[in-house]
Protein backbone atom coordinates (compact mmCIF):
# COMPACT_ATOMS: atom_id res chain seq x y z
CA UNK A 1 4.63 -11.29 9.76
CA UNK A 2 6.54 -14.54 10.02
CA UNK A 3 3.33 -16.51 10.28
CA UNK A 4 2.42 -16.86 6.65
CA UNK A 5 3.90 -18.43 3.57
CA UNK A 6 2.53 -15.50 1.55
CA UNK A 7 3.82 -12.13 2.81
CA UNK A 8 1.33 -9.45 3.65
CA UNK A 9 2.00 -6.19 1.87
CA UNK A 10 2.43 -3.94 4.91
CA UNK A 11 3.77 -3.43 8.37
CA UNK A 12 1.97 -3.81 11.68
CA UNK A 13 -0.76 -1.43 12.65
CA UNK A 14 -0.23 -1.67 16.39
CA UNK A 15 3.50 -1.02 16.78
CA UNK A 16 5.86 1.88 16.33
CA UNK A 17 6.40 0.38 12.88
CA UNK A 18 3.01 1.47 11.65
CA UNK A 19 2.13 3.16 8.37
CA UNK A 20 -0.04 6.28 8.30
CA UNK A 21 -3.67 5.52 8.99
CA UNK A 22 -4.66 6.41 5.45
CA UNK A 23 -2.06 4.19 3.79
CA UNK A 24 -3.45 1.50 1.58
CA UNK A 25 -1.08 -1.27 2.62
CA UNK A 26 -0.55 -1.41 6.32
CA UNK A 27 0.37 -4.62 8.05
CA UNK A 28 -2.02 -6.82 10.02
CA UNK A 29 -3.00 -5.41 13.38
CA UNK A 30 -2.25 -8.75 15.03
CA UNK A 31 1.28 -8.95 13.62
CA UNK A 32 3.94 -10.08 16.06
CA UNK A 33 6.27 -7.45 14.65
CA UNK A 34 5.62 -4.95 17.42
CA UNK A 35 8.85 -3.18 18.33
CA UNK A 36 10.18 -2.97 21.88
CA UNK A 37 9.15 -0.04 24.01
CA UNK A 38 11.85 2.52 24.67
CA UNK A 39 11.39 1.93 28.43
CA UNK A 40 12.98 -1.42 29.04
CA UNK A 41 11.33 -1.79 32.45
CA UNK A 42 8.00 -1.55 30.68
CA UNK A 43 9.08 -4.45 28.47
CA UNK A 44 9.88 -6.57 31.48
CA UNK A 45 6.61 -5.78 33.22
CA UNK A 46 4.68 -6.69 30.06
CA UNK A 47 6.54 -9.95 29.56
CA UNK A 48 6.31 -10.86 33.22
CA UNK A 49 2.55 -10.35 33.14
CA UNK A 50 2.32 -12.53 30.02
CA UNK A 51 4.31 -15.26 31.71
CA UNK A 52 2.25 -15.03 34.91
CA UNK A 53 -1.00 -15.38 33.01
CA UNK A 54 0.37 -18.43 31.27
CA UNK A 55 1.65 -19.93 34.52
CA UNK A 56 5.29 -19.96 33.35
CA UNK A 57 8.53 -18.17 34.05
CA UNK A 58 10.14 -15.75 31.63
CA UNK A 59 12.80 -18.29 30.67
CA UNK A 60 10.19 -20.94 29.87
CA UNK A 61 8.04 -19.11 27.34
CA UNK A 62 9.21 -21.48 24.59
CA UNK A 63 7.83 -24.98 23.99
CA UNK A 64 9.62 -27.98 25.55
CA UNK A 65 9.78 -31.60 24.52
CA UNK A 66 6.43 -33.33 24.76
CA UNK A 67 5.46 -36.90 25.59
CA UNK A 68 5.83 -40.01 23.43
CA UNK A 69 5.48 -39.34 19.70
CA UNK A 70 6.66 -35.74 19.86
CA UNK A 71 9.64 -34.76 17.68
CA UNK A 72 13.05 -34.71 19.29
CA UNK A 73 14.00 -31.22 20.44
CA UNK A 74 17.28 -29.38 20.93
CA UNK A 75 18.36 -26.44 23.05
CA UNK A 76 18.65 -23.08 21.33
CA UNK A 77 20.45 -20.42 23.38
CA UNK A 78 20.29 -16.82 22.19
CA UNK A 79 22.62 -14.18 23.67
CA UNK A 80 21.93 -10.48 23.13
CA UNK A 81 24.72 -7.90 23.28
CA UNK A 82 24.42 -4.13 22.92
CA UNK A 83 26.75 -1.80 21.01
CA UNK A 84 29.18 -1.83 23.94
CA UNK A 85 29.34 -5.62 23.90
CA UNK A 86 27.42 -5.97 27.17
CA UNK A 87 24.39 -8.19 27.77
CA UNK A 88 21.21 -6.22 27.21
CA UNK A 89 17.62 -6.54 28.33
CA UNK A 90 16.40 -4.17 25.57
CA UNK A 91 15.65 -6.60 22.78
CA UNK A 92 12.85 -8.36 21.02
CA UNK A 93 13.66 -11.58 19.18
CA UNK A 94 11.49 -13.72 16.96
CA UNK A 95 12.14 -17.28 15.84
CA UNK A 96 9.95 -18.71 13.09
CA UNK A 97 10.04 -22.21 11.64
CA UNK A 98 10.47 -22.63 7.90
CA UNK A 99 10.95 -26.35 7.25
CA UNK A 100 11.35 -29.69 9.00
CA UNK A 101 9.48 -30.77 12.14
CA UNK A 102 9.73 -27.21 13.47
CA UNK A 103 8.11 -25.58 10.43
CA UNK A 104 5.03 -24.50 12.38
CA UNK A 105 6.96 -23.08 15.36
CA UNK A 106 6.82 -19.37 16.12
CA UNK A 107 7.99 -17.82 19.36
CA UNK A 108 9.20 -14.60 20.93
CA UNK A 109 11.47 -15.73 23.78
CA UNK A 110 12.67 -13.27 26.41
CA UNK A 111 14.74 -13.15 29.56
CA UNK A 112 15.87 -10.01 31.40
CA UNK A 113 19.43 -11.27 31.59
CA UNK A 114 19.85 -10.96 27.82
CA UNK A 115 20.32 -14.71 27.40
CA UNK A 116 17.31 -16.88 26.69
CA UNK A 117 17.09 -20.64 26.18
CA UNK A 118 14.33 -22.55 24.37
CA UNK A 119 13.87 -26.04 23.00
CA UNK A 120 12.95 -26.53 19.36
CA UNK A 121 12.40 -29.46 17.00
CA UNK A 122 14.92 -30.07 14.27
CA UNK A 123 14.49 -27.78 11.26
CA UNK A 124 15.29 -24.57 9.40
CA UNK A 125 14.31 -21.32 11.15
CA UNK A 126 14.32 -17.60 10.53
CA UNK A 127 15.57 -15.48 13.42
CA UNK A 128 15.43 -11.72 13.64
CA UNK A 129 16.13 -9.48 16.59
CA UNK A 130 15.59 -5.80 17.29
CA UNK A 131 17.84 -4.22 19.91
CA UNK A 132 17.17 -0.79 21.38
CA UNK A 133 19.74 1.47 23.02
CA UNK A 134 19.38 2.55 26.67
CA UNK A 135 17.65 5.87 25.91
CA UNK A 136 15.77 7.89 23.34
CA UNK A 137 17.84 8.62 20.26
CA UNK A 138 20.39 5.90 20.99
CA UNK A 139 19.48 4.02 17.83
CA UNK A 140 18.01 0.70 16.79
CA UNK A 141 19.79 -2.42 15.56
CA UNK A 142 18.03 -5.04 13.44
CA UNK A 143 19.83 -8.34 13.01
CA UNK A 144 18.49 -11.08 10.75
CA UNK A 145 19.60 -14.70 10.49
CA UNK A 146 17.77 -16.11 7.43
CA UNK A 147 19.30 -19.56 7.88
CA UNK A 148 19.21 -21.02 11.36
CA UNK A 149 19.54 -24.79 11.08
CA UNK A 150 18.74 -26.49 14.37
CA UNK A 151 20.21 -30.00 14.16
CA UNK A 152 21.57 -30.13 17.70
CA UNK A 153 22.07 -27.88 20.69
CA UNK A 154 22.85 -24.45 19.24
CA UNK A 155 24.01 -21.07 20.55
CA UNK A 156 23.41 -17.82 18.66
CA UNK A 157 24.89 -14.46 19.62
CA UNK A 158 22.98 -11.40 18.49
CA UNK A 159 25.61 -8.69 18.68
CA UNK A 160 24.75 -5.05 17.95
CA UNK A 161 28.43 -4.34 17.28
CA UNK A 162 28.13 -6.22 13.96
CA UNK A 163 25.56 -3.83 12.48
CA UNK A 164 26.16 -1.08 9.97
CA UNK A 165 24.04 2.04 9.28
CA UNK A 166 21.11 2.24 6.89
CA UNK A 167 21.93 5.56 5.24
CA UNK A 168 19.34 6.21 2.54
CA UNK A 169 18.55 9.87 1.86
CA UNK A 170 17.24 12.04 -0.98
CA UNK A 171 19.28 14.71 -2.79
CA UNK A 172 17.56 17.53 -0.85
CA UNK A 173 19.61 18.19 2.33
CA UNK A 174 16.72 19.57 4.37
CA UNK A 175 14.24 16.80 3.56
CA UNK A 176 12.51 15.37 6.61
CA UNK A 177 12.22 11.56 7.07
CA UNK A 178 8.63 10.39 7.46
CA UNK A 179 8.77 6.61 7.74
CA UNK A 180 10.34 3.54 6.25
CA UNK A 181 10.10 -0.22 6.11
CA UNK A 182 12.77 -2.89 6.02
CA UNK A 183 11.47 -6.28 4.94
CA UNK A 184 13.14 -9.68 4.61
CA UNK A 185 11.53 -12.64 2.88
CA UNK A 186 13.13 -16.10 3.14
CA UNK A 187 12.13 -19.12 1.05
CA UNK A 188 13.22 -22.70 1.68
CA UNK A 189 11.74 -25.96 0.39
CA UNK A 190 8.73 -24.15 -1.02
CA UNK A 191 7.82 -22.25 2.16
CA UNK A 192 8.26 -18.51 2.62
CA UNK A 193 8.58 -16.67 5.92
CA UNK A 194 9.22 -12.98 6.53
CA UNK A 195 10.24 -10.36 9.05
CA UNK A 196 10.13 -6.59 9.01
CA UNK A 197 10.97 -3.42 10.87
CA UNK A 198 9.45 0.03 10.56
CA UNK A 199 11.42 3.19 11.12
CA UNK A 200 10.69 6.89 11.47
CA UNK A 201 14.23 8.25 11.69
CA UNK A 202 17.75 7.71 10.39
CA UNK A 203 19.03 5.77 13.42
CA UNK A 204 18.65 2.23 12.07
CA UNK A 205 21.58 -0.17 11.73
CA UNK A 206 21.29 -3.69 10.25
CA UNK A 207 23.32 -6.86 9.95
CA UNK A 208 23.23 -10.39 8.60
CA UNK A 209 23.83 -13.20 11.09
CA UNK A 210 24.87 -16.79 10.54
CA UNK A 211 25.73 -18.80 7.43
CA UNK A 212 24.71 -17.83 3.92
CA UNK A 213 21.45 -19.38 2.75
CA UNK A 214 20.84 -20.84 -0.70
CA UNK A 215 21.46 -18.38 -3.60
CA UNK A 216 18.38 -16.29 -4.33
CA UNK A 217 16.46 -17.54 -1.28
CA UNK A 218 16.63 -14.21 0.59
CA UNK A 219 14.82 -11.17 -0.76
CA UNK A 220 15.12 -7.89 1.09
CA UNK A 221 13.97 -4.37 0.42
CA UNK A 222 14.07 -1.02 2.14
CA UNK A 223 11.59 1.76 1.39
CA UNK A 224 11.99 5.21 2.92
CA UNK A 225 9.71 8.22 2.53
CA UNK A 226 10.63 11.89 2.90
CA UNK A 227 9.05 15.34 2.86
CA UNK A 228 10.99 18.16 1.23
CA UNK A 229 10.45 21.85 0.62
CA UNK A 230 9.32 21.43 -3.00
CA UNK A 231 9.09 17.67 -3.50
CA UNK A 232 8.35 14.54 -1.56
CA UNK A 233 10.51 11.45 -1.99
CA UNK A 234 9.84 7.71 -2.13
CA UNK A 235 13.13 5.81 -2.21
CA UNK A 236 12.96 2.03 -2.49
CA UNK A 237 15.59 -0.63 -3.15
CA UNK A 238 15.39 -4.42 -3.49
CA UNK A 239 18.06 -7.10 -3.08
CA UNK A 240 18.07 -10.83 -3.77
CA UNK A 241 20.85 -13.12 -2.53
CA UNK A 242 21.53 -15.68 0.17
CA UNK A 243 22.11 -13.12 2.91
CA UNK A 244 20.39 -10.30 4.74
CA UNK A 245 21.87 -6.83 4.43
CA UNK A 246 24.69 -5.56 6.62
CA UNK A 247 24.32 -1.82 6.25
CA UNK A 248 22.89 0.05 3.27
CA UNK A 249 24.05 3.34 1.76
CA UNK A 250 22.06 4.98 -1.04
CA UNK A 251 22.24 8.69 -1.86
CA UNK A 252 20.58 9.07 -5.27
CA UNK A 253 21.05 12.20 -7.35
CA UNK A 254 18.04 14.14 -8.58
CA UNK A 255 18.84 13.06 -12.15
CA UNK A 256 18.60 9.37 -11.18
CA UNK A 257 15.05 9.77 -9.84
CA UNK A 258 11.73 9.85 -11.70
CA UNK A 259 9.15 12.54 -11.05
CA UNK A 260 5.49 11.67 -10.50
CA UNK A 261 3.18 14.70 -10.53
CA UNK A 262 -0.26 14.16 -9.01
CA UNK A 263 -2.91 16.81 -9.71
CA UNK A 264 -6.19 17.02 -7.85
CA UNK A 265 -8.95 18.92 -9.66
CA UNK A 266 -11.85 20.92 -8.28
CA UNK A 267 -14.53 20.78 -11.00
CA UNK A 268 -17.59 22.89 -10.35
CA UNK A 269 -15.74 24.69 -7.54
CA UNK A 270 -15.46 21.65 -5.25
CA UNK A 271 -12.35 22.83 -3.38
CA UNK A 272 -10.99 21.25 -0.22
CA UNK A 273 -8.27 18.98 1.09
CA UNK A 274 -7.62 15.64 -0.54
CA UNK A 275 -4.90 13.09 0.06
CA UNK A 276 -2.30 11.46 -2.15
CA UNK A 277 -0.72 8.08 -1.47
CA UNK A 278 2.31 6.80 -3.38
CA UNK A 279 3.90 3.38 -2.93
CA UNK A 280 5.68 0.67 -4.96
CA UNK A 281 3.39 -1.79 -6.73
CA UNK A 282 5.36 -4.87 -5.62
CA UNK A 283 5.95 -6.14 -2.14
CA UNK A 284 4.94 -4.88 1.28
CA UNK A 285 5.38 -1.20 2.04
CA UNK A 286 4.02 1.59 4.20
CA UNK A 287 3.67 4.24 1.51
CA UNK A 288 3.76 8.01 1.45
CA UNK A 289 0.53 9.83 2.36
CA UNK A 290 0.38 13.60 2.00
CA UNK A 291 -2.46 16.17 1.91
CA UNK A 292 -3.31 17.97 -1.31
CA UNK A 293 -5.25 21.22 -1.43
CA UNK A 294 -7.54 21.21 -4.46
CA UNK A 295 -7.20 22.44 -7.07
CA UNK A 296 -3.50 21.79 -6.79
CA UNK A 297 -0.62 19.39 -7.36
CA UNK A 298 2.17 17.61 -5.54
CA UNK A 299 5.30 16.02 -6.95
CA UNK A 300 6.99 12.90 -5.63
CA UNK A 301 10.44 11.81 -6.77
CA UNK A 302 10.76 8.01 -6.83
CA UNK A 303 13.43 5.42 -7.55
CA UNK A 304 12.92 3.72 -10.94
CA UNK A 305 14.82 0.62 -9.74
CA UNK A 306 11.97 -0.16 -7.32
CA UNK A 307 9.82 -1.04 -10.35
CA UNK A 308 6.23 0.03 -10.96
CA UNK A 309 4.46 2.47 -8.65
CA UNK A 310 0.88 2.90 -7.40
CA UNK A 311 -0.92 6.18 -6.80
CA UNK A 312 -4.15 6.62 -4.84
CA UNK A 313 -6.01 9.92 -4.75
CA UNK A 314 -8.74 10.65 -2.18
CA UNK A 315 -10.80 13.72 -3.00
CA UNK A 316 -12.19 16.17 -0.44
CA UNK A 317 -15.14 14.68 1.45
CA UNK A 318 -18.06 16.31 3.22
CA UNK A 319 -18.65 15.36 6.89
CA UNK A 320 -19.98 11.82 7.30
CA UNK A 321 -19.48 11.21 3.59
CA UNK A 322 -17.08 8.51 2.34
CA UNK A 323 -14.12 9.93 0.40
CA UNK A 324 -14.11 9.44 -3.34
CA UNK A 325 -10.96 7.52 -4.20
CA UNK A 326 -9.25 6.97 -7.52
CA UNK A 327 -6.47 4.47 -8.21
CA UNK A 328 -3.69 4.45 -10.79
CA UNK A 329 -1.71 1.25 -10.36
CA UNK A 330 1.36 -0.13 -12.08
CA UNK A 331 2.80 3.17 -13.29
CA UNK A 332 6.07 2.85 -15.19
CA UNK A 333 8.61 5.57 -14.41
CA UNK A 334 11.94 6.58 -15.90
CA UNK A 335 14.92 8.43 -14.45
CA UNK A 336 14.87 12.10 -15.37
CA UNK A 337 11.32 11.95 -16.77
CA UNK A 338 8.06 13.32 -15.39
CA UNK A 339 4.74 11.50 -15.54
CA UNK A 340 1.60 13.47 -14.69
CA UNK A 341 -1.71 12.05 -13.47
CA UNK A 342 -4.80 14.21 -12.98
CA UNK A 343 -7.67 12.99 -10.82
CA UNK A 344 -11.32 14.01 -10.47
CA UNK A 345 -11.45 16.33 -13.49
CA UNK A 346 -13.84 16.45 -16.44
CA UNK A 347 -14.76 15.00 -18.88
CA UNK A 348 -16.67 12.44 -16.78
CA UNK A 349 -18.00 9.48 -18.71
CA UNK A 350 -17.97 5.69 -19.26
CA UNK A 351 -14.57 3.98 -19.16
CA UNK A 352 -13.49 0.39 -19.61
CA UNK A 353 -10.61 -1.25 -17.79
CA UNK A 354 -8.22 -2.05 -20.63
CA UNK A 355 -5.58 -3.81 -18.50
CA UNK A 356 -4.83 -7.43 -19.45
CA UNK A 357 -7.09 -9.83 -17.56
CA UNK A 358 -9.45 -7.07 -16.40
CA UNK A 359 -13.01 -8.03 -15.50
CA UNK A 360 -15.38 -7.41 -18.43
CA UNK A 361 -17.87 -4.55 -18.15
CA UNK A 362 -20.80 -6.69 -19.28
CA UNK A 363 -21.43 -10.42 -18.95
CA UNK A 364 -24.20 -12.84 -20.03
CA UNK A 365 -24.31 -15.86 -17.71
CA UNK A 366 -27.25 -18.14 -18.44
CA UNK A 367 -30.39 -16.05 -18.03
CA UNK A 368 -28.52 -13.31 -16.13
CA UNK A 369 -27.25 -10.24 -17.95
CA UNK A 370 -25.04 -7.92 -15.88
CA UNK A 371 -23.48 -4.51 -16.44
CA UNK A 372 -20.52 -3.40 -14.30
CA UNK A 373 -19.03 -0.31 -15.89
CA UNK A 374 -17.82 2.94 -14.29
CA UNK A 375 -20.22 5.44 -15.84
CA UNK A 376 -18.62 8.48 -14.19
CA UNK A 377 -14.90 7.85 -14.61
CA UNK A 378 -12.85 11.06 -14.58
CA UNK A 379 -11.14 12.68 -17.54
CA UNK A 380 -8.21 10.25 -17.49
CA UNK A 381 -10.46 7.24 -17.08
CA UNK A 382 -9.88 6.66 -13.35
CA UNK A 383 -12.90 4.93 -11.85
CA UNK A 384 -14.26 6.53 -8.64
CA UNK A 385 -15.07 4.46 -5.55
CA UNK A 386 -17.89 6.84 -4.51
CA UNK A 387 -19.06 8.70 -7.63
CA UNK A 388 -20.89 11.98 -7.06
CA UNK A 389 -24.28 11.74 -8.72
CA UNK A 390 -27.86 12.94 -8.28
CA UNK A 391 -29.63 9.97 -9.89
CA UNK A 392 -28.78 6.88 -11.93
CA UNK A 393 -30.93 4.49 -13.97
CA UNK A 394 -30.17 1.40 -16.05
CA UNK A 395 -32.73 -0.25 -18.34
CA UNK A 396 -32.72 -3.37 -20.53
CA UNK A 397 -34.96 -4.05 -23.53
CA UNK A 398 -35.22 -7.43 -25.30
CA UNK A 399 -36.54 -7.25 -28.88
CA UNK A 400 -38.01 -3.88 -28.03
CA UNK A 401 -39.80 -5.06 -24.88
CA UNK A 402 -38.73 -3.70 -21.49
CA UNK A 403 -37.07 -6.37 -19.34
CA UNK A 404 -36.50 -4.17 -16.32
CA UNK A 405 -35.24 -0.93 -14.79
CA UNK A 406 -32.67 -0.58 -12.05
CA UNK A 407 -31.86 2.56 -10.09
CA UNK A 408 -29.00 3.46 -7.76
CA UNK A 409 -25.38 2.69 -8.60
CA UNK A 410 -24.29 4.32 -11.91
CA UNK A 411 -23.43 1.74 -14.57
CA UNK A 412 -24.11 -1.30 -12.41
CA UNK A 413 -27.17 -3.53 -12.71
CA UNK A 414 -28.20 -7.17 -13.18
CA UNK A 415 -31.24 -8.42 -15.11
CA UNK A 416 -32.87 -11.80 -15.65
CA UNK A 417 -33.88 -12.49 -19.25
CA UNK A 418 -34.80 -15.59 -21.33
CA UNK A 419 -32.49 -18.10 -23.03
CA UNK A 420 -33.22 -17.60 -26.74
CA UNK A 421 -31.17 -15.41 -29.02
CA UNK A 422 -32.53 -11.87 -29.19
CA UNK A 423 -31.64 -8.24 -29.82
CA UNK A 424 -30.97 -6.19 -26.71
CA UNK A 425 -30.72 -2.49 -25.91
CA UNK A 426 -28.94 -1.69 -22.65
CA UNK A 427 -29.05 1.94 -21.48
CA UNK A 428 -27.29 3.49 -18.47
CA UNK A 429 -27.75 7.09 -17.35
CA UNK A 430 -26.36 9.15 -14.48
CA UNK A 431 -26.84 12.81 -13.55
CA UNK A 432 -24.13 14.74 -11.75
CA UNK A 433 -24.63 17.83 -9.60
CA UNK A 434 -28.05 18.81 -8.29
CA UNK A 435 -30.11 17.40 -11.15
CA UNK A 436 -30.97 20.80 -12.69
CA UNK A 437 -30.87 21.31 -16.50
CA UNK A 438 -27.32 22.68 -16.22
CA UNK A 439 -26.04 19.56 -14.41
CA UNK A 440 -23.77 17.11 -16.17
CA UNK A 441 -25.55 14.07 -17.55
CA UNK A 442 -24.04 10.87 -18.96
CA UNK A 443 -25.97 8.39 -21.08
CA UNK A 444 -24.62 5.29 -22.83
CA UNK A 445 -26.92 3.05 -24.90
CA UNK A 446 -25.67 -0.20 -26.46
CA UNK A 447 -27.38 -2.60 -28.89
CA UNK A 448 -26.23 -6.18 -29.44
CA UNK A 449 -27.53 -9.71 -29.85
CA UNK A 450 -27.20 -12.30 -27.12
CA UNK A 451 -28.32 -15.80 -26.14
CA UNK A 452 -27.79 -18.09 -23.17
CA UNK A 453 -24.63 -20.21 -23.42
CA UNK A 454 -22.96 -23.01 -21.49
CA UNK A 455 -20.45 -20.58 -20.01
CA UNK A 456 -20.38 -16.85 -19.20
CA UNK A 457 -19.93 -14.66 -22.28
CA UNK A 458 -18.59 -11.11 -22.45
CA UNK A 459 -21.03 -8.59 -23.89
CA UNK A 460 -19.71 -6.65 -26.94
CA UNK A 461 -19.71 -3.23 -25.28
CA UNK A 462 -17.68 -0.21 -26.38
CA UNK A 463 -17.08 3.27 -24.99
CA UNK A 464 -15.71 6.51 -26.42
CA UNK A 465 -13.41 8.70 -24.35
CA UNK A 466 -13.01 12.48 -24.86
CA UNK A 467 -9.90 14.14 -23.44
CA UNK A 468 -9.90 17.93 -23.92
CA UNK A 469 -7.16 20.00 -22.30
CA UNK A 470 -8.81 21.51 -19.21
CA UNK A 471 -7.67 23.56 -16.25
CA UNK A 472 -8.04 22.01 -12.79
CA UNK A 473 -11.43 23.70 -12.38
CA UNK A 474 -12.77 21.67 -15.31
CA UNK A 475 -12.88 24.60 -17.77
CA UNK A 476 -11.37 25.47 -21.17
CA UNK A 477 -10.77 28.88 -22.81
CA UNK A 478 -13.88 30.42 -24.41
CA UNK A 479 -14.16 30.96 -28.14
CA UNK A 480 -11.08 28.91 -28.99
CA UNK A 481 -10.57 26.31 -31.70
CA UNK A 482 -9.83 22.93 -30.13
CA UNK A 483 -8.93 19.44 -31.29
CA UNK A 484 -10.20 17.01 -28.66
CA UNK A 485 -8.61 13.52 -28.55
CA UNK A 486 -11.19 10.76 -29.15
CA UNK A 487 -10.42 7.17 -28.06
CA UNK A 488 -12.49 4.04 -28.66
CA UNK A 489 -12.39 1.30 -26.00
CA UNK A 490 -13.84 -2.18 -25.75
CA UNK A 491 -15.28 -4.46 -28.43
CA UNK A 492 -14.95 -1.94 -31.28
CA UNK A 493 -11.30 -1.31 -30.41
CA UNK A 494 -10.63 -5.04 -30.53
CA UNK A 495 -12.62 -6.05 -33.62
CA UNK A 496 -12.73 -2.82 -35.59
CA UNK A 497 -14.89 0.28 -36.07
CA UNK A 498 -17.33 0.38 -38.98
CA UNK A 499 -18.42 3.96 -38.36
CA UNK A 500 -17.93 6.71 -35.78
CA UNK A 501 -19.52 10.17 -35.75
CA UNK A 502 -19.04 12.90 -33.14
CA UNK A 503 -21.38 15.83 -32.49
CA UNK A 504 -21.20 18.77 -30.11
CA UNK A 505 -23.79 21.07 -28.55
CA UNK A 506 -23.50 24.46 -26.88
CA UNK A 507 -27.08 24.64 -25.61
CA UNK A 508 -27.18 21.71 -23.19
CA UNK A 509 -28.04 19.14 -25.85
CA UNK A 510 -31.08 20.89 -27.38
CA UNK A 511 -29.38 21.07 -30.79
CA UNK A 512 -26.40 19.17 -32.11
CA UNK A 513 -23.78 19.82 -34.80
CA UNK A 514 -21.66 17.08 -36.30
CA UNK A 515 -17.92 17.81 -36.08
CA UNK A 516 -15.04 16.34 -38.07
CA UNK A 517 -12.78 13.70 -36.53
CA UNK A 518 -9.33 13.73 -38.10
CA UNK A 519 -6.41 11.63 -36.86
CA UNK A 520 -8.35 10.70 -33.74
CA UNK A 521 -9.26 14.28 -32.80
CA UNK A 522 -12.59 16.08 -32.95
CA UNK A 523 -12.29 19.69 -34.13
CA UNK A 524 -14.63 22.54 -33.15
CA UNK A 525 -14.71 25.98 -31.51
CA UNK A 526 -15.70 26.39 -27.86
CA UNK A 527 -18.59 28.73 -26.98
CA UNK A 528 -18.27 32.09 -25.21
CA UNK A 529 -17.42 32.63 -21.54
CA UNK A 530 -19.59 30.71 -19.10
CA UNK A 531 -20.81 28.37 -21.84
CA UNK A 532 -20.95 24.60 -21.84
CA UNK A 533 -19.84 21.92 -24.28
CA UNK A 534 -21.86 18.71 -24.71
CA UNK A 535 -20.46 15.78 -26.69
CA UNK A 536 -22.08 12.84 -28.44
CA UNK A 537 -20.55 9.78 -30.10
CA UNK A 538 -22.40 7.31 -32.34
CA UNK A 539 -20.43 4.17 -33.06
CA UNK A 540 -20.98 0.89 -34.91
CA UNK A 541 -18.41 -1.90 -34.80
CA UNK A 542 -17.72 -4.38 -37.60
CA UNK A 543 -20.08 -6.92 -35.97
CA UNK A 544 -23.00 -4.49 -36.08
CA UNK A 545 -23.07 -3.72 -32.34
CA UNK A 546 -23.76 -0.05 -31.65
CA UNK A 547 -23.14 2.63 -29.04
CA UNK A 548 -24.78 6.01 -28.63
CA UNK A 549 -23.02 7.96 -25.90
CA UNK A 550 -24.09 11.44 -24.81
CA UNK A 551 -22.24 13.66 -22.34
CA UNK A 552 -24.43 16.66 -21.63
CA UNK A 553 -22.65 19.69 -20.17
CA UNK A 554 -19.40 17.75 -20.31
CA UNK A 555 -17.31 20.83 -19.47
CA UNK A 556 -17.53 24.61 -19.33
CA UNK A 557 -15.69 27.61 -20.72
CA UNK A 558 -14.14 30.56 -18.95
C-alpha cells in the first residue's frame, strides 16, 4: 500500500492480512503488503525463484546506480534481529520513497543472512518491517521507520527486542478476536505513503524506529474486531504525531463504548440469513462481518473516539440472485448510548437522499429529463441495491401529451423532450411481490414546469415518508389507534409546504378516508387481524409543484 499518495481504504486481499470476503473495504489484491509465510524456508524458495527469474542474486534485488545522468546513489544496509537479538531470516521489509530523487522507489529487499544491502538515490523514505518468530504462535513484530533520510551510506537495524505489545481488548473476557488492521500514513512535502499489517490474534508487537518526523506528519490507527457471547466489538483508535507507535494498550470499559443495534426484518415472511458489516467511516479498515438470521438483530459495541461509523446490511438472497444491500453511512455514536437501525422493513416507498451534496433525484439537462430516485426504499429510507419488485414503469407527459414510457428499474428513467417551457407530469410506479391485487404497490406522480437551460437544473421533486412502528415481520397490531410519523423531503421541505393531506384505505385502495395530521403525525385506527393499510399523500409546495404518492398495501396487521 506504499505505492500511492492517496491511501486505499483496506488491507490486501491476497495475504494473511486479508479482510473477510464480504467486507466492503478490503485492500487491493496486488498490494505488496503480503505477510511472510510462517515457514521461513518457503520464503527463501519464493525469493530465490523471483531472483532467478530476474537473473539476479538475492542480495541484488534492489536497484543500483545507473549510467550517466542517473541520480547519485548511496548504500542502505538493513540488519534484522529477532527477539533474542540474533540475525533472522524470517522477515519482510519494505522501503518506499516519499520525496527527493528517490520518491518513486519501492522495493522489498531480502537476504537469508538477515542483512541486506541496496543502493538508493538521495531522499526521504518510509521503511517498515514484519518479523516472524521461528514457529507458529511465536508472535509477530512490526517495526516502522516513518523518517528514513538517505543522504549518505546508511545502516538501519530492525530489532524485534524494541517492540512492545498491542494489547487492545473488549470488556468481555471471553470475547474471541476476529481480525485487526494496523495502518501508518506518512506525509512529507505534499506526498503521502502508507504501510499496514493485518492481524488475527493478540500476538502483535510494534515499535517506532529512527528519528522523529515532523509534528503531525505521521497518522496511525489500529482497528480490532471481536466476537462475544452477547455482543460483537469494533475497537478503533487513531493517533497523529511525528512517530509510529511503540506498543498500544487499550482496555475500554463497557460504559465507554457506544452500542449499535442492527435489525434485519423479514417482511412478508422472507426469512433467511443476512449479513451485517460494521466499520469506521474514515480511513482504511477491514471491518466486522457477521451473519444475521432474519428476522433478528445483532449488537456491536464500538469506540466513539474512532469517529463516525458505517453499517452495511445484506439481506437473504435466493440462489443465483444478487443480495439486496442497504447502507447507512456516517453514523454518529455516543458512549453509553444505543442507536438502532432497521433494514428491509416496511413501509417501502420513495426516499430522497437528504445528505449535504447528495445527487439530486431529478435533473433537467438541455433536452434530457432524468429521474433517479429510490422508489422502494425501506421504512427508514435506506435505498436498496437490488430492490425486490414484480414490475416498474415510469412515464412523462408534457402539456398533457405523452413523451414516453420506460420500464425496468424502479424510479430510474431518462427522457428526451423539447426546449420550451412547459408543464410536466412525471409518474413512477413499482409493484412488489407477485403482482397480485394484494401485492404492495408504490406510485409517485409529480407535476412541475420546466424548460431547457444553459446548465443542468434540479427538478422540484418532493416525497412523503411514513414511519409506523412495525414488528420485524412488517406488521402492526390490529384494531389499534396509531399516530404515524409523516415527513416531507425534497423541494417542499426546502421551500415550504402549501398544503398536505393524508388518506388511508383498508380495502387495498378501493376507497379512501382522509385522516388528520397533527404535529407531523397521521392518526387513524388499524383494521382487524390480517388486514392491510394503504396510505396516500397529496402535497403542494409554495411554488405550485405537486406530488400525489400512493402506497397500496403498505403494511399489514396481525
